[in-house]
Amino acid sequence: REFVSAIASGGTTRYADSVKGRFTISQDRAKNSASLQMNSLKPEDT
């Protein structure tokens, strides 16, 4: 299993080099949810 992205409770984000510029992580504290927007998807993202 490999790391893709993370968002700290304070809002700071991290991304694997392979997805930088293509993926965006976000968090909704009130709804206890998180999302990952994935753009420009590649077969290796499977």
ModelCIF file with pLDDT and N, C-alpha, C, O atoms, coordinates in Angstrom:
data_MODEL
#
_entry.id   MODEL 
#
_entity.id                         1 
_entity.type                       polymer 
_entity.pdbx_number_of_molecules   1 
#
_entity_poly.entity_id                      1 
_entity_poly.type                           'polypeptide(L)' 
_entity_poly.nstd_linkage                   no 
_entity_poly.nstd_monomer                   no 
_entity_poly.pdbx_seq_one_letter_code       REFVSAIASGGTTRYADSVKGRFTISQDRAKNSASLQMNSLKPEDT 
_entity_poly.pdbx_seq_one_letter_code_can   REFVSAIASGGTTRYADSVKGRFTISQDRAKNSASLQMNSLKPEDT 
_entity_poly.pdbx_strand_id                 A 
#
loop_
_entity_poly_seq.entity_id 
_entity_poly_seq.num 
_entity_poly_seq.mon_id 
_entity_poly_seq.hetero 
1 1  ARG n 
1 2  GLU n 
1 3  PHE n 
1 4  VAL n 
1 5  SER n 
1 6  ALA n 
1 7  ILE n 
1 8  ALA n 
1 9  SER n 
1 10 GLY n 
1 11 GLY n 
1 12 THR n 
1 13 THR n 
1 14 ARG n 
1 15 TYR n 
1 16 ALA n 
1 17 ASP n 
1 18 SER n 
1 19 VAL n 
1 20 LYS n 
1 21 GLY n 
1 22 ARG n 
1 23 PHE n 
1 24 THR n 
1 25 ILE n 
1 26 SER n 
1 27 GLN n 
1 28 ASP n 
1 29 ARG n 
1 30 ALA n 
1 31 LYS n 
1 32 ASN n 
1 33 SER n 
1 34 ALA n 
1 35 SER n 
1 36 LEU n 
1 37 GLN n 
1 38 MET n 
1 39 ASN n 
1 40 SER n 
1 41 LEU n 
1 42 LYS n 
1 43 PRO n 
1 44 GLU n 
1 45 ASP n 
1 46 THR n 
#
_struct_asym.id          A 
_struct_asym.entity_id   1 
#
loop_
_ma_qa_metric.id 
_ma_qa_metric.mode 
_ma_qa_metric.name 
_ma_qa_metric.software_group_id 
_ma_qa_metric.type 
1 global pLDDT . pLDDT 
2 local  pLDDT . pLDDT 
#
_ma_qa_metric_global.metric_id      1 
_ma_qa_metric_global.metric_value   93.24 
_ma_qa_metric_global.model_id       1 
_ma_qa_metric_global.ordinal_id     1 
#
loop_
_ma_qa_metric_local.label_asym_id 
_ma_qa_metric_local.label_comp_id 
_ma_qa_metric_local.label_seq_id 
_ma_qa_metric_local.metric_id 
_ma_qa_metric_local.metric_value 
_ma_qa_metric_local.model_id 
_ma_qa_metric_local.ordinal_id 
A ARG 1  2 97.00 1 1  
A GLU 2  2 98.00 1 2  
A PHE 3  2 98.00 1 3  
A VAL 4  2 98.00 1 4  
A SER 5  2 98.00 1 5  
A ALA 6  2 97.00 1 6  
A ILE 7  2 95.00 1 7  
A ALA 8  2 92.00 1 8  
A SER 9  2 85.00 1 9  
A GLY 10 2 86.00 1 10 
A GLY 11 2 89.00 1 11 
A THR 12 2 95.00 1 12 
A THR 13 2 97.00 1 13 
A ARG 14 2 97.00 1 14 
A TYR 15 2 98.00 1 15 
A ALA 16 2 98.00 1 16 
A ASP 17 2 98.00 1 17 
A SER 18 2 98.00 1 18 
A VAL 19 2 98.00 1 19 
A LYS 20 2 98.00 1 20 
A GLY 21 2 97.00 1 21 
A ARG 22 2 98.00 1 22 
A PHE 23 2 98.00 1 23 
A THR 24 2 98.00 1 24 
A ILE 25 2 97.00 1 25 
A SER 26 2 95.00 1 26 
A GLN 27 2 90.00 1 27 
A ASP 28 2 80.00 1 28 
A ARG 29 2 72.00 1 29 
A ALA 30 2 68.00 1 30 
A LYS 31 2 68.00 1 31 
A ASN 32 2 72.00 1 32 
A SER 33 2 84.00 1 33 
A ALA 34 2 91.00 1 34 
A SER 35 2 95.00 1 35 
A LEU 36 2 97.00 1 36 
A GLN 37 2 98.00 1 37 
A MET 38 2 98.00 1 38 
A ASN 39 2 98.00 1 39 
A SER 40 2 98.00 1 40 
A LEU 41 2 98.00 1 41 
A LYS 42 2 98.00 1 42 
A PRO 43 2 98.00 1 43 
A GLU 44 2 97.00 1 44 
A ASP 45 2 98.00 1 45 
A THR 46 2 98.00 1 46 
#
loop_
_atom_site.group_PDB 
_atom_site.id 
_atom_site.type_symbol 
_atom_site.label_atom_id 
_atom_site.label_alt_id 
_atom_site.label_comp_id 
_atom_site.label_asym_id 
_atom_site.label_entity_id 
_atom_site.label_seq_id 
_atom_site.pdbx_PDB_ins_code 
_atom_site.Cartn_x 
_atom_site.Cartn_y 
_atom_site.Cartn_z 
_atom_site.occupancy 
_atom_site.B_iso_or_equiv 
_atom_site.pdbx_formal_charge 
_atom_site.auth_seq_id 
_atom_site.auth_comp_id 
_atom_site.auth_asym_id 
_atom_site.auth_atom_id 
_atom_site.pdbx_PDB_model_num 
ATOM 1   N N  . ARG A 1 1  ? 0.842   -1.181 0.000   1.00 97.00 ? 1  ARG A N  1 
ATOM 2   C CA . ARG A 1 1  ? 0.000   0.000  0.000   1.00 97.00 ? 1  ARG A CA 1 
ATOM 3   C C  . ARG A 1 1  ? 0.886   1.244  0.000   1.00 97.00 ? 1  ARG A C  1 
ATOM 4   O O  . ARG A 1 1  ? 1.853   1.314  0.758   1.00 97.00 ? 1  ARG A O  1 
ATOM 5   N N  . GLU A 1 2  ? 0.567   2.216  -0.837  1.00 98.00 ? 2  GLU A N  1 
ATOM 6   C CA . GLU A 1 2  ? 1.393   3.405  -0.946  1.00 98.00 ? 2  GLU A CA 1 
ATOM 7   C C  . GLU A 1 2  ? 0.622   4.670  -0.590  1.00 98.00 ? 2  GLU A C  1 
ATOM 8   O O  . GLU A 1 2  ? -0.586  4.773  -0.800  1.00 98.00 ? 2  GLU A O  1 
ATOM 9   N N  . PHE A 1 3  ? 1.353   5.609  -0.053  1.00 98.00 ? 3  PHE A N  1 
ATOM 10  C CA . PHE A 1 3  ? 0.793   6.893  0.329   1.00 98.00 ? 3  PHE A CA 1 
ATOM 11  C C  . PHE A 1 3  ? 0.436   7.715  -0.896  1.00 98.00 ? 3  PHE A C  1 
ATOM 12  O O  . PHE A 1 3  ? 1.185   7.744  -1.873  1.00 98.00 ? 3  PHE A O  1 
ATOM 13  N N  . VAL A 1 4  ? -0.713  8.385  -0.845  1.00 98.00 ? 4  VAL A N  1 
ATOM 14  C CA . VAL A 1 4  ? -1.161  9.246  -1.932  1.00 98.00 ? 4  VAL A CA 1 
ATOM 15  C C  . VAL A 1 4  ? -1.195  10.706 -1.496  1.00 98.00 ? 4  VAL A C  1 
ATOM 16  O O  . VAL A 1 4  ? -0.577  11.563 -2.127  1.00 98.00 ? 4  VAL A O  1 
ATOM 17  N N  . SER A 1 5  ? -1.919  10.983 -0.417  1.00 98.00 ? 5  SER A N  1 
ATOM 18  C CA . SER A 1 5  ? -2.081  12.360 0.030   1.00 98.00 ? 5  SER A CA 1 
ATOM 19  C C  . SER A 1 5  ? -2.549  12.391 1.469   1.00 98.00 ? 5  SER A C  1 
ATOM 20  O O  . SER A 1 5  ? -3.110  11.415 1.968   1.00 98.00 ? 5  SER A O  1 
ATOM 21  N N  . ALA A 1 6  ? -2.319  13.509 2.136   1.00 97.00 ? 6  ALA A N  1 
ATOM 22  C CA . ALA A 1 6  ? -2.760  13.680 3.512   1.00 97.00 ? 6  ALA A CA 1 
ATOM 23  C C  . ALA A 1 6  ? -3.092  15.131 3.777   1.00 97.00 ? 6  ALA A C  1 
ATOM 24  O O  . ALA A 1 6  ? -2.526  16.039 3.168   1.00 97.00 ? 6  ALA A O  1 
ATOM 25  N N  . ILE A 1 7  ? -4.015  15.335 4.692   1.00 95.00 ? 7  ILE A N  1 
ATOM 26  C CA . ILE A 1 7  ? -4.353  16.677 5.148   1.00 95.00 ? 7  ILE A CA 1 
ATOM 27  C C  . ILE A 1 7  ? -4.447  16.658 6.658   1.00 95.00 ? 7  ILE A C  1 
ATOM 28  O O  . ILE A 1 7  ? -5.190  15.862 7.232   1.00 95.00 ? 7  ILE A O  1 
ATOM 29  N N  . ALA A 1 8  ? -3.697  17.531 7.298   1.00 92.00 ? 8  ALA A N  1 
ATOM 30  C CA . ALA A 1 8  ? -3.707  17.633 8.748   1.00 92.00 ? 8  ALA A CA 1 
ATOM 31  C C  . ALA A 1 8  ? -4.941  18.393 9.206   1.00 92.00 ? 8  ALA A C  1 
ATOM 32  O O  . ALA A 1 8  ? -5.567  19.119 8.435   1.00 92.00 ? 8  ALA A O  1 
ATOM 33  N N  . SER A 1 9  ? -5.272  18.211 10.465  1.00 85.00 ? 9  SER A N  1 
ATOM 34  C CA . SER A 1 9  ? -6.445  18.888 11.004  1.00 85.00 ? 9  SER A CA 1 
ATOM 35  C C  . SER A 1 9  ? -6.328  20.400 10.887  1.00 85.00 ? 9  SER A C  1 
ATOM 36  O O  . SER A 1 9  ? -7.336  21.101 10.798  1.00 85.00 ? 9  SER A O  1 
ATOM 37  N N  . GLY A 1 10 ? -5.090  20.905 10.886  1.00 86.00 ? 10 GLY A N  1 
ATOM 38  C CA . GLY A 1 10 ? -4.860  22.325 10.731  1.00 86.00 ? 10 GLY A CA 1 
ATOM 39  C C  . GLY A 1 10 ? -4.927  22.826 9.301   1.00 86.00 ? 10 GLY A C  1 
ATOM 40  O O  . GLY A 1 10 ? -4.904  24.034 9.065   1.00 86.00 ? 10 GLY A O  1 
ATOM 41  N N  . GLY A 1 11 ? -5.011  21.910 8.343   1.00 89.00 ? 11 GLY A N  1 
ATOM 42  C CA . GLY A 1 11 ? -5.179  22.293 6.956   1.00 89.00 ? 11 GLY A CA 1 
ATOM 43  C C  . GLY A 1 11 ? -3.983  22.073 6.044   1.00 89.00 ? 11 GLY A C  1 
ATOM 44  O O  . GLY A 1 11 ? -4.114  22.199 4.826   1.00 89.00 ? 11 GLY A O  1 
ATOM 45  N N  . THR A 1 12 ? -2.820  21.747 6.597   1.00 95.00 ? 12 THR A N  1 
ATOM 46  C CA . THR A 1 12 ? -1.647  21.518 5.761   1.00 95.00 ? 12 THR A CA 1 
ATOM 47  C C  . THR A 1 12 ? -1.806  20.225 4.969   1.00 95.00 ? 12 THR A C  1 
ATOM 48  O O  . THR A 1 12 ? -2.380  19.256 5.466   1.00 95.00 ? 12 THR A O  1 
ATOM 49  N N  . THR A 1 13 ? -1.306  20.208 3.755   1.00 97.00 ? 13 THR A N  1 
ATOM 50  C CA . THR A 1 13 ? -1.468  19.059 2.873   1.00 97.00 ? 13 THR A CA 1 
ATOM 51  C C  . THR A 1 13 ? -0.134  18.510 2.406   1.00 97.00 ? 13 THR A C  1 
ATOM 52  O O  . THR A 1 13 ? 0.867   19.225 2.367   1.00 97.00 ? 13 THR A O  1 
ATOM 53  N N  . ARG A 1 14 ? -0.129  17.231 2.053   1.00 97.00 ? 14 ARG A N  1 
ATOM 54  C CA . ARG A 1 14 ? 1.028   16.557 1.478   1.00 97.00 ? 14 ARG A CA 1 
ATOM 55  C C  . ARG A 1 14 ? 0.563   15.680 0.341   1.00 97.00 ? 14 ARG A C  1 
ATOM 56  O O  . ARG A 1 14 ? -0.548  15.150 0.364   1.00 97.00 ? 14 ARG A O  1 
ATOM 57  N N  . TYR A 1 15 ? 1.424   15.526 -0.660  1.00 98.00 ? 15 TYR A N  1 
ATOM 58  C CA . TYR A 1 15 ? 1.103   14.695 -1.812  1.00 98.00 ? 15 TYR A CA 1 
ATOM 59  C C  . TYR A 1 15 ? 2.299   13.865 -2.225  1.00 98.00 ? 15 TYR A C  1 
ATOM 60  O O  . TYR A 1 15 ? 3.443   14.309 -2.131  1.00 98.00 ? 15 TYR A O  1 
ATOM 61  N N  . ALA A 1 16 ? 2.025   12.661 -2.682  1.00 98.00 ? 16 ALA A N  1 
ATOM 62  C CA . ALA A 1 16 ? 3.068   11.874 -3.308  1.00 98.00 ? 16 ALA A CA 1 
ATOM 63  C C  . ALA A 1 16 ? 3.489   12.557 -4.600  1.00 98.00 ? 16 ALA A C  1 
ATOM 64  O O  . ALA A 1 16 ? 2.670   13.182 -5.274  1.00 98.00 ? 16 ALA A O  1 
ATOM 65  N N  . ASP A 1 17 ? 4.764   12.439 -4.947  1.00 98.00 ? 17 ASP A N  1 
ATOM 66  C CA . ASP A 1 17 ? 5.258   13.082 -6.160  1.00 98.00 ? 17 ASP A CA 1 
ATOM 67  C C  . ASP A 1 17 ? 4.472   12.655 -7.398  1.00 98.00 ? 17 ASP A C  1 
ATOM 68  O O  . ASP A 1 17 ? 4.293   13.442 -8.327  1.00 98.00 ? 17 ASP A O  1 
ATOM 69  N N  . SER A 1 18 ? 4.012   11.426 -7.407  1.00 98.00 ? 18 SER A N  1 
ATOM 70  C CA . SER A 1 18 ? 3.322   10.890 -8.564  1.00 98.00 ? 18 SER A CA 1 
ATOM 71  C C  . SER A 1 18 ? 1.961   11.534 -8.828  1.00 98.00 ? 18 SER A C  1 
ATOM 72  O O  . SER A 1 18 ? 1.419   11.404 -9.926  1.00 98.00 ? 18 SER A O  1 
ATOM 73  N N  . VAL A 1 19 ? 1.405   12.226 -7.832  1.00 98.00 ? 19 VAL A N  1 
ATOM 74  C CA . VAL A 1 19 ? 0.076   12.812 -7.999  1.00 98.00 ? 19 VAL A CA 1 
ATOM 75  C C  . VAL A 1 19 ? 0.072   14.324 -7.850  1.00 98.00 ? 19 VAL A C  1 
ATOM 76  O O  . VAL A 1 19 ? -0.976  14.949 -8.015  1.00 98.00 ? 19 VAL A O  1 
ATOM 77  N N  . LYS A 1 20 ? 1.199   14.925 -7.547  1.00 98.00 ? 20 LYS A N  1 
ATOM 78  C CA . LYS A 1 20 ? 1.270   16.376 -7.384  1.00 98.00 ? 20 LYS A CA 1 
ATOM 79  C C  . LYS A 1 20 ? 0.822   17.090 -8.653  1.00 98.00 ? 20 LYS A C  1 
ATOM 80  O O  . LYS A 1 20 ? 1.214   16.732 -9.764  1.00 98.00 ? 20 LYS A O  1 
ATOM 81  N N  . GLY A 1 21 ? -0.001  18.100 -8.459  1.00 97.00 ? 21 GLY A N  1 
ATOM 82  C CA . GLY A 1 21 ? -0.519  18.855 -9.584  1.00 97.00 ? 21 GLY A CA 1 
ATOM 83  C C  . GLY A 1 21 ? -1.755  18.261 -10.209 1.00 97.00 ? 21 GLY A C  1 
ATOM 84  O O  . GLY A 1 21 ? -2.404  18.910 -11.030 1.00 97.00 ? 21 GLY A O  1 
ATOM 85  N N  . ARG A 1 22 ? -2.098  17.036 -9.840  1.00 98.00 ? 22 ARG A N  1 
ATOM 86  C CA . ARG A 1 22 ? -3.261  16.361 -10.413 1.00 98.00 ? 22 ARG A CA 1 
ATOM 87  C C  . ARG A 1 22 ? -4.342  16.070 -9.375  1.00 98.00 ? 22 ARG A C  1 
ATOM 88  O O  . ARG A 1 22 ? -5.532  16.124 -9.684  1.00 98.00 ? 22 ARG A O  1 
ATOM 89  N N  . PHE A 1 23 ? -3.934  15.766 -8.154  1.00 98.00 ? 23 PHE A N  1 
ATOM 90  C CA . PHE A 1 23 ? -4.872  15.423 -7.085  1.00 98.00 ? 23 PHE A CA 1 
ATOM 91  C C  . PHE A 1 23 ? -4.949  16.553 -6.072  1.00 98.00 ? 23 PHE A C  1 
ATOM 92  O O  . PHE A 1 23 ? -3.969  17.265 -5.849  1.00 98.00 ? 23 PHE A O  1 
ATOM 93  N N  . THR A 1 24 ? -6.112  16.716 -5.461  1.00 98.00 ? 24 THR A N  1 
ATOM 94  C CA . THR A 1 24 ? -6.315  17.698 -4.414  1.00 98.00 ? 24 THR A CA 1 
ATOM 95  C C  . THR A 1 24 ? -7.101  17.068 -3.272  1.00 98.00 ? 24 THR A C  1 
ATOM 96  O O  . THR A 1 24 ? -8.173  16.503 -3.486  1.00 98.00 ? 24 THR A O  1 
ATOM 97  N N  . ILE A 1 25 ? -6.568  17.167 -2.071  1.00 97.00 ? 25 ILE A N  1 
ATOM 98  C CA . ILE A 1 25 ? -7.239  16.615 -0.904  1.00 97.00 ? 25 ILE A CA 1 
ATOM 99  C C  . ILE A 1 25 ? -7.899  17.743 -0.122  1.00 97.00 ? 25 ILE A C  1 
ATOM 100 O O  . ILE A 1 25 ? -7.377  18.856 -0.063  1.00 97.00 ? 25 ILE A O  1 
ATOM 101 N N  . SER A 1 26 ? -9.039  17.452 0.473   1.00 95.00 ? 26 SER A N  1 
ATOM 102 C CA . SER A 1 26 ? -9.737  18.427 1.290   1.00 95.00 ? 26 SER A CA 1 
ATOM 103 C C  . SER A 1 26 ? -10.426 17.717 2.442   1.00 95.00 ? 26 SER A C  1 
ATOM 104 O O  . SER A 1 26 ? -10.619 16.502 2.418   1.00 95.00 ? 26 SER A O  1 
ATOM 105 N N  . GLN A 1 27 ? -10.793 18.495 3.449   1.00 90.00 ? 27 GLN A N  1 
ATOM 106 C CA . GLN A 1 27 ? -11.424 17.932 4.635   1.00 90.00 ? 27 GLN A CA 1 
ATOM 107 C C  . GLN A 1 27 ? -12.541 18.841 5.105   1.00 90.00 ? 27 GLN A C  1 
ATOM 108 O O  . GLN A 1 27 ? -12.411 20.065 5.085   1.00 90.00 ? 27 GLN A O  1 
ATOM 109 N N  . ASP A 1 28 ? -13.632 18.241 5.526   1.00 80.00 ? 28 ASP A N  1 
ATOM 110 C CA . ASP A 1 28 ? -14.749 18.960 6.111   1.00 80.00 ? 28 ASP A CA 1 
ATOM 111 C C  . ASP A 1 28 ? -14.898 18.475 7.539   1.00 80.00 ? 28 ASP A C  1 
ATOM 112 O O  . ASP A 1 28 ? -15.490 17.423 7.783   1.00 80.00 ? 28 ASP A O  1 
ATOM 113 N N  . ARG A 1 29 ? -14.368 19.228 8.478   1.00 72.00 ? 29 ARG A N  1 
ATOM 114 C CA . ARG A 1 29 ? -14.396 18.833 9.879   1.00 72.00 ? 29 ARG A CA 1 
ATOM 115 C C  . ARG A 1 29 ? -15.823 18.704 10.406  1.00 72.00 ? 29 ARG A C  1 
ATOM 116 O O  . ARG A 1 29 ? -16.123 17.780 11.162  1.00 72.00 ? 29 ARG A O  1 
ATOM 117 N N  . ALA A 1 30 ? -16.698 19.618 10.014  1.00 68.00 ? 30 ALA A N  1 
ATOM 118 C CA . ALA A 1 30 ? -18.060 19.605 10.510  1.00 68.00 ? 30 ALA A CA 1 
ATOM 119 C C  . ALA A 1 30 ? -18.806 18.345 10.093  1.00 68.00 ? 30 ALA A C  1 
ATOM 120 O O  . ALA A 1 30 ? -19.636 17.833 10.844  1.00 68.00 ? 30 ALA A O  1 
ATOM 121 N N  . LYS A 1 31 ? -18.516 17.851 8.908   1.00 68.00 ? 31 LYS A N  1 
ATOM 122 C CA . LYS A 1 31 ? -19.193 16.661 8.397   1.00 68.00 ? 31 LYS A CA 1 
ATOM 123 C C  . LYS A 1 31 ? -18.400 15.375 8.613   1.00 68.00 ? 31 LYS A C  1 
ATOM 124 O O  . LYS A 1 31 ? -18.837 14.295 8.215   1.00 68.00 ? 31 LYS A O  1 
ATOM 125 N N  . ASN A 1 32 ? -17.223 15.497 9.251   1.00 72.00 ? 32 ASN A N  1 
ATOM 126 C CA . ASN A 1 32 ? -16.354 14.337 9.464   1.00 72.00 ? 32 ASN A CA 1 
ATOM 127 C C  . ASN A 1 32 ? -16.090 13.600 8.160   1.00 72.00 ? 32 ASN A C  1 
ATOM 128 O O  . ASN A 1 32 ? -16.204 12.376 8.086   1.00 72.00 ? 32 ASN A O  1 
ATOM 129 N N  . SER A 1 33 ? -15.743 14.350 7.155   1.00 84.00 ? 33 SER A N  1 
ATOM 130 C CA . SER A 1 33 ? -15.508 13.758 5.851   1.00 84.00 ? 33 SER A CA 1 
ATOM 131 C C  . SER A 1 33 ? -14.257 14.334 5.205   1.00 84.00 ? 33 SER A C  1 
ATOM 132 O O  . SER A 1 33 ? -13.778 15.405 5.579   1.00 84.00 ? 33 SER A O  1 
ATOM 133 N N  . ALA A 1 34 ? -13.746 13.605 4.234   1.00 91.00 ? 34 ALA A N  1 
ATOM 134 C CA . ALA A 1 34 ? -12.598 14.040 3.456   1.00 91.00 ? 34 ALA A CA 1 
ATOM 135 C C  . ALA A 1 34 ? -12.825 13.640 2.009   1.00 91.00 ? 34 ALA A C  1 
ATOM 136 O O  . ALA A 1 34 ? -13.567 12.700 1.729   1.00 91.00 ? 34 ALA A O  1 
ATOM 137 N N  . SER A 1 35 ? -12.195 14.344 1.102   1.00 95.00 ? 35 SER A N  1 
ATOM 138 C CA . SER A 1 35 ? -12.351 14.030 -0.310  1.00 95.00 ? 35 SER A CA 1 
ATOM 139 C C  . SER A 1 35 ? -11.015 14.100 -1.022  1.00 95.00 ? 35 SER A C  1 
ATOM 140 O O  . SER A 1 35 ? -10.070 14.731 -0.551  1.00 95.00 ? 35 SER A O  1 
ATOM 141 N N  . LEU A 1 36 ? -10.959 13.445 -2.154  1.00 97.00 ? 36 LEU A N  1 
ATOM 142 C CA . LEU A 1 36 ? -9.774  13.464 -3.004  1.00 97.00 ? 36 LEU A CA 1 
ATOM 143 C C  . LEU A 1 36 ? -10.235 13.698 -4.428  1.00 97.00 ? 36 LEU A C  1 
ATOM 144 O O  . LEU A 1 36 ? -10.821 12.815 -5.054  1.00 97.00 ? 36 LEU A O  1 
ATOM 145 N N  . GLN A 1 37 ? -9.970  14.886 -4.934  1.00 98.00 ? 37 GLN A N  1 
ATOM 146 C CA . GLN A 1 37 ? -10.279 15.208 -6.322  1.00 98.00 ? 37 GLN A CA 1 
ATOM 147 C C  . GLN A 1 37 ? -9.118  14.758 -7.186  1.00 98.00 ? 37 GLN A C  1 
ATOM 148 O O  . GLN A 1 37 ? -7.984  15.196 -6.990  1.00 98.00 ? 37 GLN A O  1 
ATOM 149 N N  . MET A 1 38 ? -9.397  13.889 -8.136  1.00 98.00 ? 38 MET A N  1 
ATOM 150 C CA . MET A 1 38 ? -8.367  13.317 -8.986  1.00 98.00 ? 38 MET A CA 1 
ATOM 151 C C  . MET A 1 38 ? -8.613  13.745 -10.432 1.00 98.00 ? 38 MET A C  1 
ATOM 152 O O  . MET A 1 38 ? -9.619  13.382 -11.040 1.00 98.00 ? 38 MET A O  1 
ATOM 153 N N  . ASN A 1 39 ? -7.685  14.515 -10.961 1.00 98.00 ? 39 ASN A N  1 
ATOM 154 C CA . ASN A 1 39 ? -7.766  14.991 -12.334 1.00 98.00 ? 39 ASN A CA 1 
ATOM 155 C C  . ASN A 1 39 ? -6.624  14.403 -13.160 1.00 98.00 ? 39 ASN A C  1 
ATOM 156 O O  . ASN A 1 39 ? -5.640  13.901 -12.616 1.00 98.00 ? 39 ASN A O  1 
ATOM 157 N N  . SER A 1 40 ? -6.771  14.475 -14.471 1.00 98.00 ? 40 SER A N  1 
ATOM 158 C CA . SER A 1 40 ? -5.747  13.980 -15.389 1.00 98.00 ? 40 SER A CA 1 
ATOM 159 C C  . SER A 1 40 ? -5.296  12.575 -15.018 1.00 98.00 ? 40 SER A C  1 
ATOM 160 O O  . SER A 1 40 ? -4.099  12.298 -14.928 1.00 98.00 ? 40 SER A O  1 
ATOM 161 N N  . LEU A 1 41 ? -6.250  11.707 -14.807 1.00 98.00 ? 41 LEU A N  1 
ATOM 162 C CA . LEU A 1 41 ? -5.949  10.355 -14.355 1.00 98.00 ? 41 LEU A CA 1 
ATOM 163 C C  . LEU A 1 41 ? -5.162  9.571  -15.392 1.00 98.00 ? 41 LEU A C  1 
ATOM 164 O O  . LEU A 1 41 ? -5.354  9.728  -16.598 1.00 98.00 ? 41 LEU A O  1 
ATOM 165 N N  . LYS A 1 42 ? -4.273  8.726  -14.894 1.00 98.00 ? 42 LYS A N  1 
ATOM 166 C CA . LYS A 1 42 ? -3.423  7.889  -15.720 1.00 98.00 ? 42 LYS A CA 1 
ATOM 167 C C  . LYS A 1 42 ? -3.688  6.424  -15.405 1.00 98.00 ? 42 LYS A C  1 
ATOM 168 O O  . LYS A 1 42 ? -4.154  6.107  -14.311 1.00 98.00 ? 42 LYS A O  1 
ATOM 169 N N  . PRO A 1 43 ? -3.399  5.524  -16.342 1.00 98.00 ? 43 PRO A N  1 
ATOM 170 C CA . PRO A 1 43 ? -3.586  4.099  -16.066 1.00 98.00 ? 43 PRO A CA 1 
ATOM 171 C C  . PRO A 1 43 ? -2.851  3.631  -14.810 1.00 98.00 ? 43 PRO A C  1 
ATOM 172 O O  . PRO A 1 43 ? -3.335  2.743  -14.108 1.00 98.00 ? 43 PRO A O  1 
ATOM 173 N N  . GLU A 1 44 ? -1.697  4.215  -14.521 1.00 97.00 ? 44 GLU A N  1 
ATOM 174 C CA . GLU A 1 44 ? -0.953  3.832  -13.334 1.00 97.00 ? 44 GLU A CA 1 
ATOM 175 C C  . GLU A 1 44 ? -1.606  4.281  -12.029 1.00 97.00 ? 44 GLU A C  1 
ATOM 176 O O  . GLU A 1 44 ? -1.147  3.910  -10.949 1.00 97.00 ? 44 GLU A O  1 
ATOM 177 N N  . ASP A 1 45 ? -2.672  5.076  -12.119 1.00 98.00 ? 45 ASP A N  1 
ATOM 178 C CA . ASP A 1 45 ? -3.446  5.436  -10.942 1.00 98.00 ? 45 ASP A CA 1 
ATOM 179 C C  . ASP A 1 45 ? -4.432  4.340  -10.554 1.00 98.00 ? 45 ASP A C  1 
ATOM 180 O O  . ASP A 1 45 ? -5.042  4.405  -9.487  1.00 98.00 ? 45 ASP A O  1 
ATOM 181 N N  . THR A 1 46 ? -4.591  3.349  -11.397 1.00 98.00 ? 46 THR A N  1 
ATOM 182 C CA . THR A 1 46 ? -5.506  2.248  -11.118 1.00 98.00 ? 46 THR A CA 1 
ATOM 183 C C  . THR A 1 46 ? -5.103  1.534  -9.840  1.00 98.00 ? 46 THR A C  1 
ATOM 184 O O  . THR A 1 46 ? -5.758  0.573  -9.437  1.00 98.00 ? 46 THR A O  1 
#
